[in-house]
């Protein structure tokens, strides 16, 4: 009554399924393996202070990044690299807030 089953095909099927699932998720963009060159440094951005009566010059071509206010925090999306996004922070790792939406409040 105690039959021994060959578990090797079951194990190989499980491993193959996991590898196939990860491959499909990566191919369709739901899984992204971050590389060091994907990171954007804060030093790449500079704030131009506007002074009334003074002119400032900027380039006519827009940057490859787009910013959007999400839950009161400024989130940046890269238009050239699929799936690359991040939160803009200052040198103290504090998120830059935006005034377009209500900032989330801590509920007690």
C-alpha atoms as a PDB file:
ATOM      1  CA  UNK A   1       0.000   0.000   0.000  1.00  0.00           C
ATOM      2  CA  UNK A   2       2.884   2.402   0.447  1.00  0.00           C
ATOM      3  CA  UNK A   3       3.934   3.312  -3.037  1.00  0.00           C
ATOM      4  CA  UNK A   4       7.047   5.340  -3.571  1.00  0.00           C
ATOM      5  CA  UNK A   5       6.522   8.226  -5.946  1.00  0.00           C
ATOM      6  CA  UNK A   6       9.221   9.779  -8.041  1.00  0.00           C
ATOM      7  CA  UNK A   7       9.366  13.389  -6.761  1.00  0.00           C
ATOM      8  CA  UNK A   8      11.945  14.625  -9.297  1.00  0.00           C
ATOM      9  CA  UNK A   9       9.384  15.511 -12.031  1.00  0.00           C
ATOM     10  CA  UNK A  10       7.267  17.380  -9.459  1.00  0.00           C
ATOM     11  CA  UNK A  11      10.264  19.383  -8.220  1.00  0.00           C
ATOM     12  CA  UNK A  12      11.414  20.188 -11.765  1.00  0.00           C
ATOM     13  CA  UNK A  13       7.889  21.303 -12.699  1.00  0.00           C
ATOM     14  CA  UNK A  14       7.765  23.634  -9.687  1.00  0.00           C
ATOM     15  CA  UNK A  15      11.160  25.167 -10.468  1.00  0.00           C
ATOM     16  CA  UNK A  16      10.228  25.565 -14.136  1.00  0.00           C
ATOM     17  CA  UNK A  17       6.945  27.239 -13.208  1.00  0.00           C
ATOM     18  CA  UNK A  18       8.693  29.742 -10.947  1.00  0.00           C
ATOM     19  CA  UNK A  19      11.299  30.568 -13.611  1.00  0.00           C
ATOM     20  CA  UNK A  20       8.578  30.908 -16.274  1.00  0.00           C
ATOM     21  CA  UNK A  21       6.466  33.201 -14.072  1.00  0.00           C
ATOM     22  CA  UNK A  22       9.398  35.479 -13.238  1.00  0.00           C
ATOM     23  CA  UNK A  23      10.364  35.584 -16.932  1.00  0.00           C
ATOM     24  CA  UNK A  24       6.836  36.585 -18.013  1.00  0.00           C
ATOM     25  CA  UNK A  25       6.568  39.263 -15.319  1.00  0.00           C
ATOM     26  CA  UNK A  26       9.945  40.701 -16.352  1.00  0.00           C
ATOM     27  CA  UNK A  27       9.098  40.606 -20.072  1.00  0.00           C
ATOM     28  CA  UNK A  28       5.821  42.515 -19.635  1.00  0.00           C
ATOM     29  CA  UNK A  29       7.375  45.110 -17.321  1.00  0.00           C
ATOM     30  CA  UNK A  30       5.781  44.096 -14.025  1.00  0.00           C
ATOM     31  CA  UNK A  31       9.161  43.129 -12.582  1.00  0.00           C
ATOM     32  CA  UNK A  32      12.182  45.408 -12.828  1.00  0.00           C
ATOM     33  CA  UNK A  33      15.713  44.597 -11.712  1.00  0.00           C
ATOM     34  CA  UNK A  34      17.253  47.915 -10.636  1.00  0.00           C
ATOM     35  CA  UNK A  35      20.759  48.728 -11.793  1.00  0.00           C
ATOM     36  CA  UNK A  36      23.029  51.457 -10.381  1.00  0.00           C
ATOM     37  CA  UNK A  37      22.743  53.453 -13.610  1.00  0.00           C
ATOM     38  CA  UNK A  38      18.951  53.637 -13.137  1.00  0.00           C
ATOM     39  CA  UNK A  39      19.316  55.911 -10.106  1.00  0.00           C
ATOM     40  CA  UNK A  40      19.076  59.672 -10.516  1.00  0.00           C
ATOM     41  CA  UNK A  41      21.116  61.718  -8.072  1.00  0.00           C
ATOM     42  CA  UNK A  42      19.651  64.754  -6.378  1.00  0.00           C
ATOM     43  CA  UNK A  43      22.674  66.734  -7.546  1.00  0.00           C
ATOM     44  CA  UNK A  44      21.406  66.332 -11.114  1.00  0.00           C
ATOM     45  CA  UNK A  45      18.612  68.789 -10.293  1.00  0.00           C
ATOM     46  CA  UNK A  46      18.976  72.455  -9.423  1.00  0.00           C
ATOM     47  CA  UNK A  47      16.341  74.888  -8.251  1.00  0.00           C
ATOM     48  CA  UNK A  48      16.350  78.258  -9.988  1.00  0.00           C
ATOM     49  CA  UNK A  49      15.204  80.932  -7.607  1.00  0.00           C
ATOM     50  CA  UNK A  50      12.871  83.408  -9.245  1.00  0.00           C
ATOM     51  CA  UNK A  51      13.417  87.029  -8.299  1.00  0.00           C
ATOM     52  CA  UNK A  52      10.849  89.616  -9.390  1.00  0.00           C
ATOM     53  CA  UNK A  53      12.237  91.766 -12.202  1.00  0.00           C
ATOM     54  CA  UNK A  54      15.121  89.408 -13.042  1.00  0.00           C
ATOM     55  CA  UNK A  55      15.266  87.183 -16.093  1.00  0.00           C
ATOM     56  CA  UNK A  56      16.569  83.647 -15.995  1.00  0.00           C
ATOM     57  CA  UNK A  57      17.456  81.356 -18.869  1.00  0.00           C
ATOM     58  CA  UNK A  58      16.405  77.760 -19.302  1.00  0.00           C
ATOM     59  CA  UNK A  59      16.778  75.315 -22.188  1.00  0.00           C
ATOM     60  CA  UNK A  60      13.956  75.098 -24.711  1.00  0.00           C
ATOM     61  CA  UNK A  61      14.001  71.284 -24.768  1.00  0.00           C
ATOM     62  CA  UNK A  62      12.192  69.731 -21.786  1.00  0.00           C
ATOM     63  CA  UNK A  63      13.805  67.257 -19.394  1.00  0.00           C
ATOM     64  CA  UNK A  64      13.198  63.524 -19.699  1.00  0.00           C
ATOM     65  CA  UNK A  65      11.532  63.509 -16.282  1.00  0.00           C
ATOM     66  CA  UNK A  66       7.943  64.430 -15.451  1.00  0.00           C
ATOM     67  CA  UNK A  67       6.778  65.311 -11.931  1.00  0.00           C
ATOM     68  CA  UNK A  68       3.374  64.609 -10.468  1.00  0.00           C
ATOM     69  CA  UNK A  69       1.843  65.262  -7.074  1.00  0.00           C
ATOM     70  CA  UNK A  70       0.880  61.923  -5.475  1.00  0.00           C
ATOM     71  CA  UNK A  71      -0.537  62.004  -1.941  1.00  0.00           C
ATOM     72  CA  UNK A  72       1.123  65.360  -1.276  1.00  0.00           C
ATOM     73  CA  UNK A  73       4.615  64.186  -2.329  1.00  0.00           C
ATOM     74  CA  UNK A  74       6.420  65.121  -5.558  1.00  0.00           C
ATOM     75  CA  UNK A  75       6.991  61.913  -7.538  1.00  0.00           C
ATOM     76  CA  UNK A  76       9.171  61.969 -10.645  1.00  0.00           C
ATOM     77  CA  UNK A  77       8.735  59.640 -13.616  1.00  0.00           C
ATOM     78  CA  UNK A  78      11.317  59.094 -16.365  1.00  0.00           C
ATOM     79  CA  UNK A  79       9.837  59.177 -19.859  1.00  0.00           C
ATOM     80  CA  UNK A  80      12.798  57.433 -21.506  1.00  0.00           C
ATOM     81  CA  UNK A  81      13.250  54.431 -19.201  1.00  0.00           C
ATOM     82  CA  UNK A  82      10.140  52.323 -18.698  1.00  0.00           C
ATOM     83  CA  UNK A  83       9.069  51.926 -15.107  1.00  0.00           C
ATOM     84  CA  UNK A  84      11.645  54.275 -13.570  1.00  0.00           C
ATOM     85  CA  UNK A  85      10.162  56.561 -10.948  1.00  0.00           C
ATOM     86  CA  UNK A  86      11.182  58.043  -7.643  1.00  0.00           C
ATOM     87  CA  UNK A  87      10.430  60.575  -4.945  1.00  0.00           C
ATOM     88  CA  UNK A  88      12.328  63.871  -4.994  1.00  0.00           C
ATOM     89  CA  UNK A  89      14.127  64.381  -1.658  1.00  0.00           C
ATOM     90  CA  UNK A  90      16.496  66.973  -0.227  1.00  0.00           C
ATOM     91  CA  UNK A  91      19.965  66.304   1.193  1.00  0.00           C
ATOM     92  CA  UNK A  92      18.398  65.182   4.502  1.00  0.00           C
ATOM     93  CA  UNK A  93      16.278  62.535   2.707  1.00  0.00           C
ATOM     94  CA  UNK A  94      13.096  64.538   3.368  1.00  0.00           C
ATOM     95  CA  UNK A  95      10.455  64.254   0.646  1.00  0.00           C
ATOM     96  CA  UNK A  96       9.618  67.402  -1.312  1.00  0.00           C
ATOM     97  CA  UNK A  97       5.940  68.166  -0.726  1.00  0.00           C
ATOM     98  CA  UNK A  98       3.562  69.666  -3.270  1.00  0.00           C
ATOM     99  CA  UNK A  99       0.729  72.065  -2.694  1.00  0.00           C
ATOM    100  CA  UNK A 100      -1.612  70.618  -5.317  1.00  0.00           C
ATOM    101  CA  UNK A 101      -3.150  68.105  -2.918  1.00  0.00           C
ATOM    102  CA  UNK A 102      -3.758  67.717   0.759  1.00  0.00           C
ATOM    103  CA  UNK A 103      -0.796  66.255   2.599  1.00  0.00           C
ATOM    104  CA  UNK A 104      -1.660  63.099   4.527  1.00  0.00           C
ATOM    105  CA  UNK A 105      -2.103  63.730   8.247  1.00  0.00           C
ATOM    106  CA  UNK A 106      -1.108  61.343  11.018  1.00  0.00           C
ATOM    107  CA  UNK A 107      -4.279  60.042  12.631  1.00  0.00           C
ATOM    108  CA  UNK A 108      -4.248  59.374  16.334  1.00  0.00           C
END
